[in-house]
């Protein structure tokens, strides 16, 4: 799954005098973690989909299933740094085998 690295929102609620807009970005690194890092939380591999300055993170799988809405950074272990291409291993059945008649 490919992900963007920029924030595209152009308009904030109030523009200050002088025409300077407010910054719309959260800090890139929070407690050493960034968006889309692959982490292990309670034995499950997942991705950081949201970060809070308090050090809590929204953890999800690539299909969007929530693992935890607000997990503490103390319970996370980074497996892989973020890149624009996220890769997740999925367990599944192999293709069925057919007996030749």
Protein backbone atom coordinates (compact mmCIF):
# COMPACT_ATOMS: atom_id res chain seq x y z
CA UNK A 1 0.00 0.00 0.00
CA UNK A 2 1.41 3.40 -0.95
CA UNK A 3 0.96 6.40 1.37
CA UNK A 4 1.45 10.14 0.96
CA UNK A 5 4.03 12.06 2.95
CA UNK A 6 2.53 15.57 2.73
CA UNK A 7 -0.40 17.34 4.30
CA UNK A 8 -2.58 18.86 1.58
CA UNK A 9 -4.99 21.01 3.63
CA UNK A 10 -4.62 24.58 2.41
CA UNK A 11 -7.21 26.45 4.42
CA UNK A 12 -7.33 26.82 8.18
CA UNK A 13 -10.21 28.45 10.08
CA UNK A 14 -8.74 31.91 10.59
CA UNK A 15 -5.94 33.52 8.67
CA UNK A 16 -3.86 35.85 10.82
CA UNK A 17 -3.20 39.49 9.92
CA UNK A 18 -0.46 39.67 7.33
CA UNK A 19 -1.92 36.68 5.51
CA UNK A 20 0.16 34.04 7.29
CA UNK A 21 -1.63 30.74 7.73
CA UNK A 22 -1.27 28.58 10.79
CA UNK A 23 0.86 25.50 10.43
CA UNK A 24 -1.29 22.41 9.97
CA UNK A 25 1.25 19.72 10.77
CA UNK A 26 1.78 17.73 13.92
CA UNK A 27 5.44 17.19 14.84
CA UNK A 28 6.94 14.49 12.62
CA UNK A 29 8.49 12.47 15.45
CA UNK A 30 6.65 11.82 18.71
CA UNK A 31 8.67 9.86 21.31
CA UNK A 32 10.88 8.60 18.47
CA UNK A 33 8.00 7.22 16.39
CA UNK A 34 6.55 8.65 13.17
CA UNK A 35 3.50 8.04 11.01
CA UNK A 36 3.42 4.65 9.25
CA UNK A 37 6.23 3.06 11.28
CA UNK A 38 5.73 -0.71 11.57
CA UNK A 39 5.55 -1.60 15.28
CA UNK A 40 4.78 -4.58 17.50
CA UNK A 41 2.01 -4.05 20.05
CA UNK A 42 1.16 -6.97 22.37
CA UNK A 43 2.64 -9.48 19.91
CA UNK A 44 0.84 -8.06 16.84
CA UNK A 45 2.58 -6.29 13.96
CA UNK A 46 0.73 -3.12 12.96
CA UNK A 47 1.26 0.40 11.63
CA UNK A 48 1.02 3.83 13.25
CA UNK A 49 -1.87 5.59 11.50
CA UNK A 50 -2.25 8.52 13.91
CA UNK A 51 -0.03 10.23 16.45
CA UNK A 52 -0.74 12.41 19.45
CA UNK A 53 1.73 14.75 21.11
CA UNK A 54 1.01 12.98 24.43
CA UNK A 55 2.77 9.86 23.10
CA UNK A 56 -0.32 7.79 22.28
CA UNK A 57 -0.82 6.31 18.82
CA UNK A 58 -3.64 4.99 16.62
CA UNK A 59 -2.57 1.50 15.51
CA UNK A 60 -4.08 -0.27 12.49
CA UNK A 61 -3.43 -2.98 9.95
CA UNK A 62 -3.14 -2.05 6.26
CA UNK A 63 -6.73 -3.05 5.53
CA UNK A 64 -7.85 -0.45 8.09
CA UNK A 65 -8.73 -2.76 10.99
CA UNK A 66 -8.04 -1.01 14.27
CA UNK A 67 -5.65 -2.80 16.60
CA UNK A 68 -5.83 -0.06 19.25
CA UNK A 69 -7.24 3.47 19.10
CA UNK A 70 -4.84 4.96 21.64
CA UNK A 71 -1.82 2.83 22.54
CA UNK A 72 1.01 4.20 24.69
CA UNK A 73 4.49 4.55 23.19
CA UNK A 74 5.86 2.58 26.15
CA UNK A 75 4.13 -0.58 24.88
CA UNK A 76 5.42 -0.24 21.30
CA UNK A 77 8.55 -1.68 19.72
CA UNK A 78 9.57 -0.48 16.26
CA UNK A 79 10.14 -3.22 13.69
CA UNK A 80 10.63 -1.08 10.59
CA UNK A 81 10.91 2.61 9.81
CA UNK A 82 8.24 4.23 7.64
CA UNK A 83 8.62 4.38 3.87
CA UNK A 84 6.23 5.28 1.08
CA UNK A 85 5.58 1.58 0.44
CA UNK A 86 4.10 -0.32 3.40
CA UNK A 87 4.33 -4.11 3.36
CA UNK A 88 2.38 -6.46 5.61
CA UNK A 89 2.56 -10.25 5.75
CA UNK A 90 -0.80 -11.97 5.71
CA UNK A 91 -1.54 -15.57 6.54
CA UNK A 92 -3.89 -17.32 4.15
CA UNK A 93 -4.70 -20.60 2.55
CA UNK A 94 -2.71 -21.55 -0.48
CA UNK A 95 -4.54 -22.13 -3.73
CA UNK A 96 -6.48 -25.39 -3.72
CA UNK A 97 -4.86 -28.42 -5.27
CA UNK A 98 -6.91 -30.46 -7.70
CA UNK A 99 -6.41 -34.14 -8.34
CA UNK A 100 -5.75 -34.94 -11.95
CA UNK A 101 -8.20 -37.50 -13.30
